[in-house]
Amino acid sequence: MTASVTVATGFLRSPSVSKSQNTSFLFTRQRILLPKKSSVRPISASTSELPENVRSFWKWLGDQGVVSAKSAAEPAVVPEGLGLVARRDIGRNEVVLEIPKRLWISPETAAASKIGALCSGLKPWVSVALFLIREKYDEDSAWRVYLDVLPESTDSTIFWSEEELAELKGTQLLSNTLGAKEYLEDEFSKLEQEILLPNKDMFPSGITLDDFMWAFGILRSRAFSRLRGQDLVLIPLADLINHNPEIKTEDYAYEIKGAGLFSRDLLFSLKSPVYVKAGGQVYIQYDVNKSNAELALDYGFVESNPNRNSYTLTIEIPESDPFFGDKLDIAETNGMGETGYFDIVEGQSLPAGMLQYIRLVALGGSDAFLLESIFSNTIWGHLELPVSRSNEELICRVVRDACKSALSGFTTTIEEDEKLLEEGKLDPRMELALKVRIGEKKVLQQIDQIFKDRELELDLLEYYQERRLKDLGLVGEQGEIIFWE
């Protein structure tokens, strides 16, 4: 899906969700549900206060030899819903739990199941989604107790109603959410035509788009990735661990290791990145690099950290550009392509390579000589600095017009949104929408200000021709032309 509007000269567009429509985007460092900064209410897994389905799950894990009276942590009712609570003091980097591979759910699990033959040609995540749905409707499933502790939905924006999504009007989060939903609809349509309808006997309960959305939400919010030899894995019990924004690193929180010297089995080992007192909740950091919009789409929560606020500028080389081929060659030689995606973060400078890329895309007229083959090895270096006044003026105008256009898509101001936040008593999804709106608008205003300031400096900047003349000794340090008698 392309949610874009051509701006100014046509080379700067609002970002296309297709940037992310691949399985690496869909399942990268994903875990659990919505964290809130509040105290934990620890409840022993052995007490009757814990929901029956969770007690059954804990017993099942005990029967499997995964947990015991010596386990460092156990499930508990916490502000986020369910979480892991320390049964004793847990040291920094201490192992909290270990789950053997036989209890993991992965594409390999789906391939070994009754529907394995049907999964062979499917995307890995689709095969796991299909497996989850079929097992969910099988009362005799070996995974019954695990499936019963999975939520029916999360606060991910893919589960929001049309009325709730309307609160995201103007945001990139809205376009990305709609793009993700459209992607899911397309994937389900293919699955229905190629697998479900021709094999109705294998799916007696029938499978709907809502079922498919549920499985996608479970995988997106709970699946571990970046594991040795594993692309996508659900780890029962480990996936109860929640996110804490105060934990600043995701390194070493989990790993895959051998079960023992003489064992071929693998274990998923989860560690606590910080010291936890007995009765406290065990947390990890889901992903230090995700923006608030990504957190909202993946898990249904955002952080107050301004470094999570970002906006993606999408810049492309138009095919109608008479120098399209030359520009594309230069971009590809320098690790870029026909389209460049640049994430601008609140309070931070412009991403590396952004100005070079946009100057390249805007290059034309009398500046086009830089595209000649004689400059092929040096042009990227030249583009680190302003090329000409007209080129710099153009990029400033295009970016500022894009920012103004994006800001005009919002129906409220930052001040109005902040006032609503201050009044409090908001539905969690409304609060999330407000924070995302505020964050995106602040970044757009920041980008606009950067290029507004640059416009004011146009007459003071040094351009390529002046730098070249200086290199040749034809211009003095003050910019005066040097003459010889």
Protein backbone atom coordinates (compact mmCIF):
# COMPACT_ATOMS: atom_id res chain seq x y z
CA MET A 1 0.00 0.00 0.00
CA THR A 2 1.24 3.47 -0.81
CA ALA A 3 -0.11 6.19 1.43
CA SER A 4 1.57 9.08 -0.34
CA VAL A 5 0.98 12.48 -1.83
CA THR A 6 3.37 14.03 -4.33
CA VAL A 7 4.79 17.19 -2.85
CA ALA A 8 6.27 20.13 -4.72
CA THR A 9 8.61 18.80 -7.44
CA GLY A 10 7.44 15.25 -6.85
CA PHE A 11 10.49 13.73 -5.23
CA LEU A 12 9.48 13.93 -1.57
CA ARG A 13 6.56 11.79 -0.57
CA SER A 14 4.87 10.81 2.65
CA PRO A 15 6.20 7.38 3.58
CA SER A 16 4.89 4.26 1.95
CA VAL A 17 4.01 1.39 4.22
CA SER A 18 5.45 -0.93 1.58
CA LYS A 19 8.82 -0.02 3.10
CA SER A 20 8.00 -2.50 5.79
CA GLN A 21 5.89 -5.16 4.13
CA ASN A 22 8.19 -8.11 4.49
CA THR A 23 8.52 -10.79 7.10
CA SER A 24 11.57 -9.23 8.73
CA PHE A 25 9.49 -6.12 9.44
CA LEU A 26 6.53 -8.13 10.62
CA PHE A 27 8.41 -10.07 13.24
CA THR A 28 11.50 -8.38 14.63
CA ARG A 29 12.16 -8.34 18.37
CA GLN A 30 8.52 -8.59 19.37
CA ARG A 31 7.19 -9.58 22.73
CA ILE A 32 4.20 -8.74 24.95
CA LEU A 33 1.47 -6.32 25.95
CA LEU A 34 1.13 -2.84 27.38
CA PRO A 35 3.35 -1.68 30.20
CA LYS A 36 2.33 1.04 32.63
CA LYS A 37 4.48 2.57 35.31
CA SER A 38 2.73 1.34 38.42
CA SER A 39 3.36 -1.06 41.25
CA VAL A 40 3.17 -4.80 40.82
CA ARG A 41 0.60 -6.77 42.76
CA PRO A 42 2.39 -10.10 43.10
CA ILE A 43 0.18 -13.14 43.39
CA SER A 44 1.58 -16.60 44.00
CA ALA A 45 0.86 -19.00 41.19
CA SER A 46 -0.21 -21.52 43.81
CA THR A 47 -3.02 -19.39 45.21
CA SER A 48 -6.63 -19.51 44.14
CA GLU A 49 -6.48 -15.80 43.29
CA LEU A 50 -4.64 -16.55 40.07
CA PRO A 51 -7.04 -17.21 37.15
CA GLU A 52 -7.79 -20.89 36.67
CA ASN A 53 -6.36 -20.91 33.14
CA VAL A 54 -3.04 -19.54 34.42
CA ARG A 55 -2.93 -22.06 37.26
CA SER A 56 -3.53 -24.84 34.73
CA PHE A 57 -0.76 -23.43 32.56
CA TRP A 58 1.66 -23.35 35.50
CA LYS A 59 0.77 -26.93 36.43
CA TRP A 60 1.32 -28.03 32.83
CA LEU A 61 4.76 -26.44 32.85
CA GLY A 62 5.50 -28.28 36.08
CA ASP A 63 4.37 -31.58 34.58
CA GLN A 64 6.70 -30.88 31.66
CA GLY A 65 9.61 -30.44 34.06
CA VAL A 66 10.07 -26.80 33.07
CA VAL A 67 9.24 -25.19 36.42
CA SER A 68 9.42 -26.27 40.04
CA ALA A 69 9.42 -24.95 43.58
CA LYS A 70 12.93 -23.66 42.89
CA SER A 71 11.91 -21.54 39.86
CA ALA A 72 13.07 -17.93 40.14
CA ALA A 73 9.86 -16.41 38.77
CA GLU A 74 6.21 -17.26 38.26
CA PRO A 75 3.16 -15.82 36.47
CA ALA A 76 1.24 -13.11 38.29
CA VAL A 77 -1.56 -10.64 37.77
CA VAL A 78 0.12 -7.27 37.16
CA PRO A 79 -1.05 -3.87 35.86
CA GLU A 80 -0.22 -4.98 32.31
CA GLY A 81 -2.43 -8.05 32.65
CA LEU A 82 -0.09 -10.97 33.19
CA GLY A 83 3.62 -10.84 33.87
CA LEU A 84 6.51 -12.61 35.55
CA VAL A 85 7.15 -11.90 39.24
CA ALA A 86 10.29 -12.84 41.16
CA ARG A 87 9.77 -15.57 43.78
CA ARG A 88 13.10 -14.57 45.34
CA ASP A 89 15.75 -11.94 44.78
CA ILE A 90 17.10 -12.19 41.22
CA GLY A 91 20.53 -10.82 40.38
CA ARG A 92 21.51 -8.83 37.31
CA ASN A 93 21.98 -11.17 34.30
CA GLU A 94 20.75 -14.11 36.37
CA VAL A 95 18.76 -16.77 34.51
CA VAL A 96 15.05 -16.39 35.25
CA LEU A 97 13.75 -19.41 33.34
CA GLU A 98 14.73 -21.92 30.68
CA ILE A 99 12.35 -23.43 28.14
CA PRO A 100 13.34 -26.51 26.08
CA LYS A 101 12.88 -26.51 22.33
CA ARG A 102 10.13 -29.13 22.47
CA LEU A 103 7.88 -26.45 23.97
CA TRP A 104 8.63 -23.78 21.38
CA ILE A 105 6.15 -22.95 18.62
CA SER A 106 7.88 -22.18 15.34
CA PRO A 107 7.56 -22.90 11.60
CA GLU A 108 9.23 -26.21 12.41
CA THR A 109 6.38 -26.98 14.83
CA ALA A 110 3.80 -26.21 12.17
CA ALA A 111 5.65 -28.36 9.62
CA ALA A 112 5.57 -31.33 12.02
CA SER A 113 1.85 -30.95 12.76
CA LYS A 114 -1.21 -32.46 11.06
CA ILE A 115 -1.29 -29.52 8.64
CA GLY A 116 2.45 -29.67 7.95
CA ALA A 117 1.99 -30.71 4.32
CA LEU A 118 -0.19 -27.64 3.73
CA CYS A 119 2.38 -25.30 5.28
CA SER A 120 5.31 -26.17 3.05
CA GLY A 121 4.76 -23.34 0.57
CA LEU A 122 3.63 -20.70 3.04
CA LYS A 123 5.54 -17.80 4.52
CA PRO A 124 6.97 -18.94 7.88
CA TRP A 125 4.80 -16.58 9.91
CA VAL A 126 1.67 -17.56 7.98
CA SER A 127 2.32 -21.24 8.68
CA VAL A 128 2.65 -20.53 12.42
CA ALA A 129 -0.50 -18.36 12.34
CA LEU A 130 -2.43 -21.14 10.64
CA PHE A 131 -1.11 -23.64 13.18
CA LEU A 132 -2.17 -21.43 16.12
CA ILE A 133 -5.68 -20.97 14.75
CA ARG A 134 -6.23 -24.67 14.12
CA GLU A 135 -4.92 -25.60 17.56
CA LYS A 136 -7.07 -22.90 19.15
CA TYR A 137 -10.22 -24.56 17.85
CA ASP A 138 -9.07 -28.09 18.73
CA GLU A 139 -10.30 -28.86 22.25
CA ASP A 140 -7.90 -31.79 22.44
CA SER A 141 -4.86 -29.77 21.35
CA ALA A 142 -1.63 -30.56 23.16
CA TRP A 143 -1.17 -26.79 23.39
CA ARG A 144 -4.58 -26.17 24.98
CA VAL A 145 -3.35 -24.78 28.31
CA TYR A 146 -0.95 -22.37 26.57
CA LEU A 147 -3.55 -21.19 24.07
CA ASP A 148 -5.97 -20.52 26.92
CA VAL A 149 -3.66 -17.90 28.46
CA LEU A 150 -3.25 -15.98 25.19
CA PRO A 151 -5.31 -12.77 24.96
CA GLU A 152 -8.13 -12.39 22.45
CA SER A 153 -6.53 -9.17 21.25
CA THR A 154 -3.97 -6.55 22.23
CA ASP A 155 -4.13 -2.77 22.15
CA SER A 156 -2.18 -2.81 18.89
CA THR A 157 -3.74 -0.31 16.51
CA ILE A 158 -4.64 -3.13 14.09
CA PHE A 159 -7.41 -4.03 16.56
CA TRP A 160 -8.79 -0.51 16.91
CA SER A 161 -12.30 0.39 15.76
CA GLU A 162 -12.89 2.95 13.01
CA GLU A 163 -13.88 5.49 15.65
CA GLU A 164 -10.64 4.89 17.56
CA LEU A 165 -8.55 5.02 14.39
CA ALA A 166 -10.14 8.38 13.57
CA GLU A 167 -8.16 9.80 16.51
CA LEU A 168 -4.99 8.99 14.57
CA LYS A 169 -5.97 11.14 11.59
CA GLY A 170 -2.93 12.83 10.08
CA THR A 171 -0.39 10.45 11.62
CA GLN A 172 1.94 8.06 9.86
CA LEU A 173 0.79 5.49 12.40
CA LEU A 174 -2.67 5.56 10.82
CA SER A 175 -1.34 4.98 7.30
CA ASN A 176 0.94 2.20 8.53
CA THR A 177 -1.92 0.58 10.47
CA LEU A 178 -4.22 0.66 7.45
CA GLY A 179 -1.38 -0.65 5.31
CA ALA A 180 -0.79 -3.54 7.72
CA LYS A 181 -4.50 -4.39 7.73
CA GLU A 182 -4.62 -4.31 3.94
CA TYR A 183 -1.56 -6.55 3.83
CA LEU A 184 -3.26 -9.01 6.19
CA GLU A 185 -6.41 -9.03 4.09
CA ASP A 186 -4.37 -9.85 0.98
CA GLU A 187 -2.46 -12.61 2.78
CA PHE A 188 -5.68 -14.10 4.15
CA SER A 189 -7.32 -13.99 0.73
CA LYS A 190 -4.42 -15.97 -0.75
CA LEU A 191 -4.48 -18.40 2.17
CA GLU A 192 -8.21 -18.90 1.80
CA GLN A 193 -8.03 -19.59 -1.92
CA GLU A 194 -4.93 -21.78 -1.88
CA ILE A 195 -5.26 -23.66 1.42
CA LEU A 196 -8.47 -23.21 3.39
CA LEU A 197 -11.16 -23.75 0.75
CA PRO A 198 -9.47 -26.71 -0.99
CA ASN A 199 -8.90 -28.41 2.41
CA LYS A 200 -12.09 -27.78 4.35
CA ASP A 201 -11.87 -31.18 5.97
CA MET A 202 -8.69 -30.07 7.77
CA PHE A 203 -10.40 -26.97 9.20
CA PRO A 204 -13.87 -28.09 10.35
CA SER A 205 -14.46 -24.96 12.42
CA GLY A 206 -13.75 -22.65 9.51
CA ILE A 207 -11.22 -19.84 9.67
CA THR A 208 -12.08 -16.17 9.30
CA LEU A 209 -10.14 -12.98 8.71
CA ASP A 210 -10.68 -12.14 12.38
CA ASP A 211 -8.97 -15.43 13.35
CA PHE A 212 -6.07 -14.56 11.06
CA MET A 213 -5.82 -11.07 12.57
CA TRP A 214 -5.76 -12.60 16.05
CA ALA A 215 -2.90 -14.93 15.18
CA PHE A 216 -0.99 -12.09 13.55
CA GLY A 217 -1.44 -9.94 16.66
CA ILE A 218 -0.22 -12.76 18.89
CA LEU A 219 2.88 -13.31 16.78
CA ARG A 220 3.64 -9.64 16.34
CA SER A 221 3.44 -8.93 20.05
CA ARG A 222 4.89 -12.11 21.51
CA ALA A 223 7.28 -13.82 19.09
CA PHE A 224 11.00 -13.82 19.80
CA SER A 225 13.35 -13.48 16.85
CA ARG A 226 17.09 -13.07 16.29
CA LEU A 227 17.52 -16.45 17.98
CA ARG A 228 20.21 -18.81 16.75
CA GLY A 229 18.85 -20.63 13.72
CA GLN A 230 15.30 -19.45 14.43
CA ASP A 231 13.38 -16.79 12.49
CA LEU A 232 10.18 -16.75 14.50
CA VAL A 233 9.52 -18.48 17.82
CA LEU A 234 6.79 -18.37 20.46
CA ILE A 235 8.18 -19.33 23.86
CA PRO A 236 5.45 -20.24 26.38
CA LEU A 237 5.95 -18.60 29.81
CA ALA A 238 8.88 -16.49 28.55
CA ASP A 239 6.41 -14.46 26.49
CA LEU A 240 4.73 -13.26 29.68
CA ILE A 241 7.63 -10.92 30.37
CA ASN A 242 6.76 -7.26 30.03
CA HIS A 243 8.61 -4.19 28.81
CA ASN A 244 10.09 -1.50 31.05
CA PRO A 245 11.26 1.79 29.47
CA GLU A 246 13.73 2.31 32.32
CA ILE A 247 15.75 -0.65 31.04
CA LYS A 248 17.95 0.88 28.36
CA THR A 249 19.48 -2.19 26.74
CA GLU A 250 18.02 -5.30 25.14
CA ASP A 251 21.38 -7.08 24.92
CA TYR A 252 21.88 -10.41 26.64
CA ALA A 253 18.30 -10.65 27.95
CA TYR A 254 17.91 -14.04 26.30
CA GLU A 255 19.88 -16.61 24.40
CA ILE A 256 19.74 -20.10 22.92
CA LYS A 257 22.07 -22.65 24.44
CA GLY A 258 22.59 -26.37 24.65
CA ALA A 259 20.72 -28.29 27.32
CA GLY A 260 23.88 -30.02 28.50
CA LEU A 261 27.18 -31.57 27.53
CA PHE A 262 25.64 -34.78 26.24
CA SER A 263 22.30 -33.37 25.07
CA ARG A 264 21.29 -32.24 21.60
CA ASP A 265 18.31 -30.34 22.94
CA LEU A 266 18.26 -26.56 22.95
CA LEU A 267 17.10 -24.27 25.70
CA PHE A 268 15.71 -20.74 25.52
CA SER A 269 17.34 -18.97 28.45
CA LEU A 270 15.77 -15.73 29.73
CA LYS A 271 17.83 -13.45 31.99
CA SER A 272 16.94 -10.40 34.02
CA PRO A 273 18.94 -7.36 32.83
CA VAL A 274 18.60 -5.75 36.27
CA TYR A 275 18.43 -6.78 39.92
CA VAL A 276 14.88 -7.64 41.02
CA LYS A 277 13.70 -7.98 44.61
CA ALA A 278 11.44 -10.86 45.60
CA GLY A 279 7.86 -9.94 44.70
CA GLY A 280 8.94 -7.45 42.03
CA GLN A 281 8.10 -7.82 38.37
CA VAL A 282 10.81 -9.06 36.01
CA TYR A 283 11.13 -6.86 32.92
CA ILE A 284 13.18 -6.58 29.74
CA GLN A 285 13.59 -3.94 27.05
CA TYR A 286 11.71 -4.94 23.90
CA ASP A 287 13.57 -2.80 21.39
CA VAL A 288 15.56 0.37 22.03
CA ASN A 289 15.27 1.45 18.40
CA LYS A 290 11.52 1.36 17.86
CA SER A 291 9.60 4.60 17.53
CA ASN A 292 6.40 5.24 19.46
CA ALA A 293 4.43 4.60 16.28
CA GLU A 294 6.09 1.20 15.95
CA LEU A 295 5.49 0.39 19.61
CA ALA A 296 1.83 1.32 19.18
CA LEU A 297 1.46 -0.86 16.09
CA ASP A 298 3.32 -3.81 17.60
CA TYR A 299 2.17 -3.79 21.22
CA GLY A 300 -0.38 -1.06 21.80
CA PHE A 301 1.63 1.24 24.06
CA VAL A 302 3.96 4.23 23.75
CA GLU A 303 6.64 5.78 25.94
CA SER A 304 7.04 9.33 27.23
CA ASN A 305 10.65 9.36 26.03
CA PRO A 306 10.95 12.03 23.25
CA ASN A 307 13.59 9.87 21.56
CA ARG A 308 10.73 7.52 20.66
CA ASN A 309 9.02 10.29 18.67
CA SER A 310 9.97 10.17 15.01
CA TYR A 311 8.74 10.93 11.53
CA THR A 312 9.83 9.21 8.35
CA LEU A 313 10.55 11.34 5.30
CA THR A 314 10.34 9.32 2.10
CA ILE A 315 12.35 10.75 -0.77
CA GLU A 316 12.39 9.20 -4.21
CA ILE A 317 14.02 9.74 -7.57
CA PRO A 318 11.10 10.27 -9.99
CA GLU A 319 11.20 8.03 -13.06
CA SER A 320 10.28 11.13 -15.06
CA ASP A 321 13.56 12.76 -14.08
CA PRO A 322 15.71 13.11 -17.26
CA PHE A 323 18.72 12.05 -15.17
CA PHE A 324 16.93 9.14 -13.47
CA GLY A 325 19.42 6.49 -14.55
CA ASP A 326 22.49 8.51 -13.56
CA LYS A 327 21.04 9.42 -10.18
CA LEU A 328 19.96 5.86 -9.47
CA ASP A 329 23.45 4.58 -10.29
CA ILE A 330 25.00 7.09 -7.88
CA ALA A 331 22.47 6.24 -5.15
CA GLU A 332 23.05 2.49 -5.51
CA THR A 333 26.81 2.92 -5.54
CA ASN A 334 26.47 4.61 -2.15
CA GLY A 335 24.21 2.02 -0.56
CA MET A 336 20.87 3.62 -1.36
CA GLY A 337 18.22 3.18 -4.03
CA GLU A 338 15.40 4.74 -5.97
CA THR A 339 13.65 5.56 -2.69
CA GLY A 340 15.24 6.72 0.55
CA TYR A 341 13.61 6.46 3.95
CA PHE A 342 14.88 8.79 6.64
CA ASP A 343 13.68 8.62 10.24
CA ILE A 344 13.94 11.98 11.95
CA VAL A 345 13.87 11.76 15.74
CA GLU A 346 12.75 14.50 18.10
CA GLY A 347 15.70 16.46 19.44
CA GLN A 348 18.24 14.79 17.17
CA SER A 349 20.04 15.95 14.03
CA LEU A 350 19.06 14.85 10.53
CA PRO A 351 19.96 11.24 9.64
CA ALA A 352 23.29 10.57 7.97
CA GLY A 353 23.07 10.73 4.20
CA MET A 354 19.72 12.52 4.06
CA LEU A 355 21.01 15.86 2.80
CA GLN A 356 23.30 14.13 0.30
CA TYR A 357 20.46 12.04 -1.05
CA ILE A 358 17.97 14.89 -1.33
CA ARG A 359 20.59 17.13 -3.00
CA LEU A 360 21.21 14.34 -5.50
CA VAL A 361 17.51 13.95 -6.22
CA ALA A 362 17.09 17.73 -6.65
CA LEU A 363 20.15 18.05 -8.89
CA GLY A 364 19.40 19.58 -12.28
CA GLY A 365 19.89 22.55 -14.58
CA SER A 366 23.40 23.99 -14.53
CA ASP A 367 24.33 21.64 -11.66
CA ALA A 368 23.75 18.53 -13.76
CA PHE A 369 27.41 18.51 -14.87
CA LEU A 370 28.16 16.79 -11.54
CA LEU A 371 26.34 13.72 -12.90
CA GLU A 372 28.94 13.21 -15.61
CA SER A 373 31.04 10.07 -15.35
CA ILE A 374 34.17 12.08 -14.49
CA PHE A 375 32.58 12.83 -11.09
CA SER A 376 31.23 9.32 -10.45
CA ASN A 377 33.78 8.55 -7.74
CA THR A 378 33.62 11.93 -6.02
CA ILE A 379 30.05 13.22 -6.34
CA TRP A 380 28.82 11.72 -3.06
CA GLY A 381 31.54 13.61 -1.23
CA HIS A 382 30.60 16.82 -3.06
CA LEU A 383 26.98 16.35 -1.99
CA GLU A 384 27.95 16.49 1.68
CA LEU A 385 28.10 20.27 1.20
CA PRO A 386 25.70 22.64 -0.59
CA VAL A 387 25.91 22.33 -4.39
CA SER A 388 24.35 25.62 -5.44
CA ARG A 389 21.97 28.20 -4.10
CA SER A 390 19.17 27.00 -6.39
CA ASN A 391 19.66 23.37 -5.35
CA GLU A 392 19.71 24.21 -1.64
CA GLU A 393 16.75 26.55 -1.99
CA LEU A 394 14.77 23.81 -3.75
CA ILE A 395 15.37 21.18 -1.10
CA CYS A 396 14.41 23.65 1.63
CA ARG A 397 11.20 24.54 -0.13
CA VAL A 398 10.26 20.93 -0.88
CA VAL A 399 10.86 19.72 2.67
CA ARG A 400 9.08 22.67 4.24
CA ASP A 401 6.10 22.25 1.90
CA ALA A 402 5.96 18.56 2.83
CA CYS A 403 5.99 19.40 6.54
CA LYS A 404 3.24 21.99 6.14
CA SER A 405 1.18 19.55 4.11
CA ALA A 406 1.59 16.82 6.75
CA LEU A 407 0.74 19.22 9.60
CA SER A 408 -2.39 20.35 7.77
CA GLY A 409 -3.66 16.76 7.96
CA PHE A 410 -4.13 17.07 11.73
CA THR A 411 -7.36 18.49 13.08
CA THR A 412 -5.87 19.63 16.40
CA THR A 413 -2.82 21.57 17.53
CA ILE A 414 -0.12 20.34 19.89
CA GLU A 415 -1.46 22.69 22.56
CA GLU A 416 -4.98 21.31 22.24
CA ASP A 417 -3.72 17.73 22.47
CA GLU A 418 -1.54 18.50 25.47
CA LYS A 419 -4.49 20.12 27.24
CA LEU A 420 -6.54 16.96 26.74
CA LEU A 421 -3.69 14.90 28.19
CA GLU A 422 -3.41 17.17 31.20
CA GLU A 423 -7.13 16.83 31.93
CA GLY A 424 -6.61 13.07 32.29
CA LYS A 425 -9.29 10.37 32.70
CA LEU A 426 -8.72 9.22 29.13
CA ASP A 427 -9.35 5.85 27.58
CA PRO A 428 -5.91 4.15 27.13
CA ARG A 429 -6.28 4.13 23.35
CA MET A 430 -7.25 7.80 23.26
CA GLU A 431 -4.24 8.61 25.43
CA LEU A 432 -2.00 6.65 23.07
CA ALA A 433 -3.45 8.49 20.05
CA LEU A 434 -2.82 11.86 21.68
CA LYS A 435 0.78 11.02 22.49
CA VAL A 436 1.47 9.80 18.96
CA ARG A 437 -0.17 12.89 17.46
CA ILE A 438 1.84 15.20 19.68
CA GLY A 439 5.08 13.36 18.94
CA GLU A 440 4.67 13.39 15.16
CA LYS A 441 3.67 17.05 15.10
CA LYS A 442 6.66 18.03 17.23
CA VAL A 443 9.03 16.24 14.87
CA LEU A 444 7.39 17.82 11.80
CA GLN A 445 7.76 21.26 13.37
CA GLN A 446 11.39 20.44 14.16
CA ILE A 447 12.10 19.43 10.54
CA ASP A 448 10.38 22.57 9.26
CA GLN A 449 12.43 24.74 11.61
CA ILE A 450 15.71 23.11 10.49
CA PHE A 451 15.02 23.95 6.86
CA LYS A 452 13.56 27.36 7.68
CA ASP A 453 16.83 28.23 9.43
CA ARG A 454 18.70 26.91 6.41
CA GLU A 455 16.69 29.15 4.07
CA LEU A 456 17.82 32.15 6.10
CA GLU A 457 21.44 31.09 5.60
CA LEU A 458 21.30 30.58 1.82
CA ASP A 459 23.22 33.77 1.08
CA LEU A 460 25.88 32.87 3.63
CA LEU A 461 26.57 29.31 2.52
CA GLU A 462 29.52 28.32 0.39
CA TYR A 463 28.60 26.40 -2.77
CA TYR A 464 30.46 24.03 -5.07
CA GLN A 465 31.71 26.61 -7.56
CA GLU A 466 33.17 28.78 -4.80
CA ARG A 467 34.85 25.81 -3.19
CA ARG A 468 36.26 24.77 -6.56
CA LEU A 469 37.64 28.24 -7.26
CA LYS A 470 39.26 28.27 -3.83
CA ASP A 471 40.86 24.91 -4.54
CA LEU A 472 42.29 26.43 -7.74
CA GLY A 473 43.53 29.47 -5.85
CA LEU A 474 41.21 31.83 -7.72
CA VAL A 475 39.21 33.02 -4.73
CA GLY A 476 40.49 34.41 -1.45
CA GLU A 477 39.41 33.38 2.03
CA GLN A 478 36.92 36.27 2.11
CA GLY A 479 35.41 35.22 -1.22
CA GLU A 480 37.10 37.91 -3.28
CA ILE A 481 38.20 37.10 -6.83
CA ILE A 482 42.00 37.03 -7.22
CA PHE A 483 43.34 38.78 -10.35
CA TRP A 484 46.78 38.65 -11.90
CA GLU A 485 48.38 41.50 -13.80
